[in-house]
Amino acid sequence: MDQIARSPKDVGNALRNARKAKKLTQAELASRSGIWQRTISTIETSASGAKLDTIFDLLAALDLEIQIVPRSKMKPGDLEDIF
């Protein structure tokens, strides 16, 4: 499950997708991570303002990690290949 995240909202979406792929509820993830369910909900809808430590706690609970790589650049024809 590779996803590109370039904004807090992208991070929230990636966390939600990973949680759902593991068939976990927000409450179950909260229990695994020690993060309140309400905080998980807020992060999944817009991770803006979330502490980095909190994001890493959720990643660990989902058995994920962040990999820092150079930003990819799209070429004019790349968008057509998506559709």
N, C-alpha and C. Protein backbone atom coordinates (compact mmCIF):
# COMPACT_ATOMS: atom_id res chain seq x y z
N MET A 1 0.84 -1.18 0.00
CA MET A 1 0.00 0.00 0.00
C MET A 1 0.88 1.24 0.00
N ASP A 2 1.36 1.65 -1.13
CA ASP A 2 2.15 2.87 -1.22
C ASP A 2 1.21 4.02 -1.54
N GLN A 3 1.36 5.10 -0.79
CA GLN A 3 0.58 6.30 -1.05
C GLN A 3 1.49 7.51 -0.95
N ILE A 4 1.25 8.48 -1.80
CA ILE A 4 1.99 9.73 -1.73
C ILE A 4 1.22 10.67 -0.82
N ALA A 5 1.93 11.27 0.13
CA ALA A 5 1.32 12.24 1.04
C ALA A 5 2.11 13.54 0.97
N ARG A 6 1.45 14.57 0.50
CA ARG A 6 2.09 15.88 0.37
C ARG A 6 1.43 16.94 1.23
N SER A 7 0.44 16.53 2.00
CA SER A 7 -0.27 17.48 2.86
C SER A 7 -0.79 16.74 4.08
N PRO A 8 -1.16 17.47 5.12
CA PRO A 8 -1.75 16.81 6.30
C PRO A 8 -2.99 16.00 5.94
N LYS A 9 -3.80 16.50 5.01
CA LYS A 9 -5.00 15.77 4.60
C LYS A 9 -4.63 14.44 3.94
N ASP A 10 -3.57 14.44 3.13
CA ASP A 10 -3.10 13.20 2.50
C ASP A 10 -2.66 12.19 3.55
N VAL A 11 -1.99 12.66 4.61
CA VAL A 11 -1.55 11.77 5.69
C VAL A 11 -2.78 11.16 6.37
N GLY A 12 -3.77 11.99 6.64
CA GLY A 12 -5.00 11.50 7.26
C GLY A 12 -5.69 10.46 6.41
N ASN A 13 -5.76 10.71 5.10
CA ASN A 13 -6.37 9.74 4.18
C ASN A 13 -5.59 8.43 4.16
N ALA A 14 -4.26 8.52 4.16
CA ALA A 14 -3.43 7.32 4.15
C ALA A 14 -3.65 6.50 5.42
N LEU A 15 -3.74 7.18 6.56
CA LEU A 15 -3.98 6.48 7.82
C LEU A 15 -5.36 5.81 7.81
N ARG A 16 -6.37 6.51 7.31
CA ARG A 16 -7.71 5.94 7.23
C ARG A 16 -7.72 4.71 6.33
N ASN A 17 -7.09 4.82 5.16
CA ASN A 17 -7.04 3.70 4.22
C ASN A 17 -6.34 2.49 4.84
N ALA A 18 -5.25 2.74 5.56
CA ALA A 18 -4.52 1.64 6.20
C ALA A 18 -5.36 1.00 7.30
N ARG A 19 -6.05 1.82 8.07
CA ARG A 19 -6.91 1.30 9.14
C ARG A 19 -8.01 0.42 8.56
N LYS A 20 -8.65 0.91 7.51
CA LYS A 20 -9.74 0.16 6.90
C LYS A 20 -9.23 -1.12 6.23
N ALA A 21 -8.03 -1.07 5.64
CA ALA A 21 -7.46 -2.25 5.01
C ALA A 21 -7.20 -3.35 6.04
N LYS A 22 -6.92 -2.94 7.27
CA LYS A 22 -6.71 -3.90 8.35
C LYS A 22 -8.01 -4.24 9.07
N LYS A 23 -9.13 -3.69 8.54
CA LYS A 23 -10.46 -3.94 9.10
C LYS A 23 -10.55 -3.56 10.58
N LEU A 24 -9.96 -2.41 10.91
CA LEU A 24 -10.02 -1.90 12.27
C LEU A 24 -10.98 -0.73 12.34
N THR A 25 -11.69 -0.63 13.43
CA THR A 25 -12.48 0.57 13.69
C THR A 25 -11.56 1.62 14.30
N GLN A 26 -12.03 2.84 14.35
CA GLN A 26 -11.25 3.87 15.02
C GLN A 26 -11.05 3.53 16.49
N ALA A 27 -12.06 2.95 17.12
CA ALA A 27 -11.96 2.56 18.53
C ALA A 27 -10.89 1.48 18.72
N GLU A 28 -10.83 0.53 17.81
CA GLU A 28 -9.81 -0.53 17.90
C GLU A 28 -8.41 0.04 17.72
N LEU A 29 -8.27 0.97 16.76
CA LEU A 29 -6.97 1.61 16.56
C LEU A 29 -6.60 2.45 17.78
N ALA A 30 -7.58 3.09 18.38
CA ALA A 30 -7.33 3.87 19.59
C ALA A 30 -6.79 2.97 20.69
N SER A 31 -7.36 1.80 20.85
CA SER A 31 -6.92 0.86 21.86
C SER A 31 -5.48 0.39 21.59
N ARG A 32 -5.16 0.14 20.34
CA ARG A 32 -3.82 -0.32 19.96
C ARG A 32 -2.76 0.76 20.12
N SER A 33 -3.14 2.00 19.83
CA SER A 33 -2.17 3.09 19.76
C SER A 33 -2.09 3.93 21.02
N GLY A 34 -3.11 3.87 21.86
CA GLY A 34 -3.15 4.74 23.03
C GLY A 34 -3.56 6.17 22.69
N ILE A 35 -4.09 6.36 21.49
CA ILE A 35 -4.57 7.67 21.04
C ILE A 35 -6.09 7.67 21.13
N TRP A 36 -6.66 8.76 21.59
CA TRP A 36 -8.12 8.84 21.71
C TRP A 36 -8.78 8.68 20.35
N GLN A 37 -9.94 8.02 20.33
CA GLN A 37 -10.69 7.81 19.10
C GLN A 37 -11.04 9.14 18.45
N ARG A 38 -11.41 10.11 19.25
CA ARG A 38 -11.77 11.43 18.70
C ARG A 38 -10.57 12.06 17.98
N THR A 39 -9.37 11.88 18.53
CA THR A 39 -8.16 12.40 17.89
C THR A 39 -7.92 11.69 16.57
N ILE A 40 -8.12 10.38 16.53
CA ILE A 40 -7.96 9.62 15.29
C ILE A 40 -8.94 10.14 14.24
N SER A 41 -10.17 10.37 14.63
CA SER A 41 -11.17 10.90 13.71
C SER A 41 -10.73 12.25 13.13
N THR A 42 -10.23 13.11 13.99
CA THR A 42 -9.77 14.44 13.55
C THR A 42 -8.60 14.31 12.58
N ILE A 43 -7.66 13.43 12.89
CA ILE A 43 -6.50 13.24 12.02
C ILE A 43 -6.92 12.67 10.67
N GLU A 44 -7.83 11.72 10.68
CA GLU A 44 -8.26 11.11 9.42
C GLU A 44 -8.99 12.09 8.51
N THR A 45 -9.66 13.06 9.08
CA THR A 45 -10.37 14.03 8.25
C THR A 45 -9.48 15.19 7.84
N SER A 46 -8.50 15.52 8.65
CA SER A 46 -7.53 16.56 8.32
C SER A 46 -6.46 16.56 9.40
N ALA A 47 -5.29 16.00 9.08
CA ALA A 47 -4.23 15.85 10.07
C ALA A 47 -3.59 17.17 10.46
N SER A 48 -4.12 18.28 9.97
CA SER A 48 -3.55 19.58 10.26
C SER A 48 -3.51 19.81 11.77
N GLY A 49 -2.35 20.17 12.26
CA GLY A 49 -2.18 20.46 13.68
C GLY A 49 -1.87 19.25 14.53
N ALA A 50 -1.87 18.06 13.93
CA ALA A 50 -1.57 16.85 14.70
C ALA A 50 -0.08 16.83 15.05
N LYS A 51 0.21 16.39 16.26
CA LYS A 51 1.61 16.27 16.67
C LYS A 51 2.27 15.13 15.90
N LEU A 52 3.51 15.33 15.55
CA LEU A 52 4.25 14.30 14.82
C LEU A 52 4.35 13.02 15.65
N ASP A 53 4.51 13.14 16.95
CA ASP A 53 4.55 11.96 17.82
C ASP A 53 3.25 11.15 17.70
N THR A 54 2.13 11.83 17.61
CA THR A 54 0.84 11.16 17.48
C THR A 54 0.76 10.40 16.17
N ILE A 55 1.22 11.03 15.09
CA ILE A 55 1.23 10.38 13.78
C ILE A 55 2.09 9.12 13.84
N PHE A 56 3.27 9.22 14.46
CA PHE A 56 4.15 8.06 14.55
C PHE A 56 3.55 6.96 15.42
N ASP A 57 2.82 7.31 16.47
CA ASP A 57 2.13 6.30 17.29
C ASP A 57 1.09 5.55 16.45
N LEU A 58 0.35 6.28 15.63
CA LEU A 58 -0.64 5.63 14.77
C LEU A 58 0.02 4.77 13.71
N LEU A 59 1.11 5.26 13.11
CA LEU A 59 1.83 4.47 12.13
C LEU A 59 2.32 3.16 12.74
N ALA A 60 2.86 3.23 13.94
CA ALA A 60 3.37 2.03 14.61
C ALA A 60 2.23 1.05 14.88
N ALA A 61 1.09 1.56 15.32
CA ALA A 61 -0.06 0.70 15.60
C ALA A 61 -0.59 0.03 14.34
N LEU A 62 -0.38 0.66 13.19
CA LEU A 62 -0.81 0.11 11.90
C LEU A 62 0.31 -0.65 11.19
N ASP A 63 1.46 -0.77 11.87
CA ASP A 63 2.62 -1.45 11.32
C ASP A 63 3.09 -0.80 10.02
N LEU A 64 3.16 0.54 10.04
CA LEU A 64 3.60 1.32 8.88
C LEU A 64 4.79 2.18 9.27
N GLU A 65 5.47 2.71 8.27
CA GLU A 65 6.56 3.65 8.50
C GLU A 65 6.53 4.72 7.41
N ILE A 66 7.22 5.80 7.66
CA ILE A 66 7.35 6.88 6.68
C ILE A 66 8.70 6.71 5.98
N GLN A 67 8.69 6.88 4.69
CA GLN A 67 9.92 6.85 3.91
C GLN A 67 10.05 8.20 3.22
N ILE A 68 11.14 8.89 3.43
CA ILE A 68 11.36 10.20 2.82
C ILE A 68 12.10 10.00 1.50
N VAL A 69 11.48 10.45 0.42
CA VAL A 69 12.06 10.31 -0.92
C VAL A 69 11.90 11.64 -1.66
N PRO A 70 12.70 11.85 -2.71
CA PRO A 70 12.53 13.07 -3.50
C PRO A 70 11.12 13.14 -4.08
N ARG A 71 10.60 14.33 -4.15
CA ARG A 71 9.26 14.55 -4.69
C ARG A 71 9.23 14.17 -6.16
N SER A 72 8.21 13.43 -6.54
CA SER A 72 8.08 13.04 -7.94
C SER A 72 7.53 14.23 -8.73
N LYS A 73 7.92 14.27 -9.98
CA LYS A 73 7.46 15.34 -10.88
C LYS A 73 6.64 14.71 -11.99
N MET A 74 5.44 15.22 -12.20
CA MET A 74 4.60 14.70 -13.29
C MET A 74 4.96 15.41 -14.59
N LYS A 75 4.93 14.65 -15.66
CA LYS A 75 5.13 15.21 -16.99
C LYS A 75 3.75 15.43 -17.62
N PRO A 76 3.63 16.27 -18.63
CA PRO A 76 2.33 16.59 -19.21
C PRO A 76 1.49 15.37 -19.58
N GLY A 77 2.06 14.29 -20.10
CA GLY A 77 1.30 13.13 -20.51
C GLY A 77 0.94 12.18 -19.37
N ASP A 78 1.55 12.37 -18.20
CA ASP A 78 1.31 11.45 -17.07
C ASP A 78 -0.14 11.45 -16.61
N LEU A 79 -0.78 12.57 -16.62
CA LEU A 79 -2.17 12.66 -16.16
C LEU A 79 -3.07 11.81 -17.04
N GLU A 80 -2.82 11.79 -18.33
CA GLU A 80 -3.63 10.98 -19.24
C GLU A 80 -3.46 9.49 -18.94
N ASP A 81 -2.27 9.07 -18.50
CA ASP A 81 -2.04 7.66 -18.19
C ASP A 81 -2.84 7.19 -16.99
N ILE A 82 -3.21 8.10 -16.11
CA ILE A 82 -3.98 7.75 -14.92
C ILE A 82 -5.40 7.35 -15.32
N PHE A 83 -5.95 8.03 -16.31
CA PHE A 83 -7.33 7.77 -16.73
C PHE A 83 -7.32 6.87 -17.87
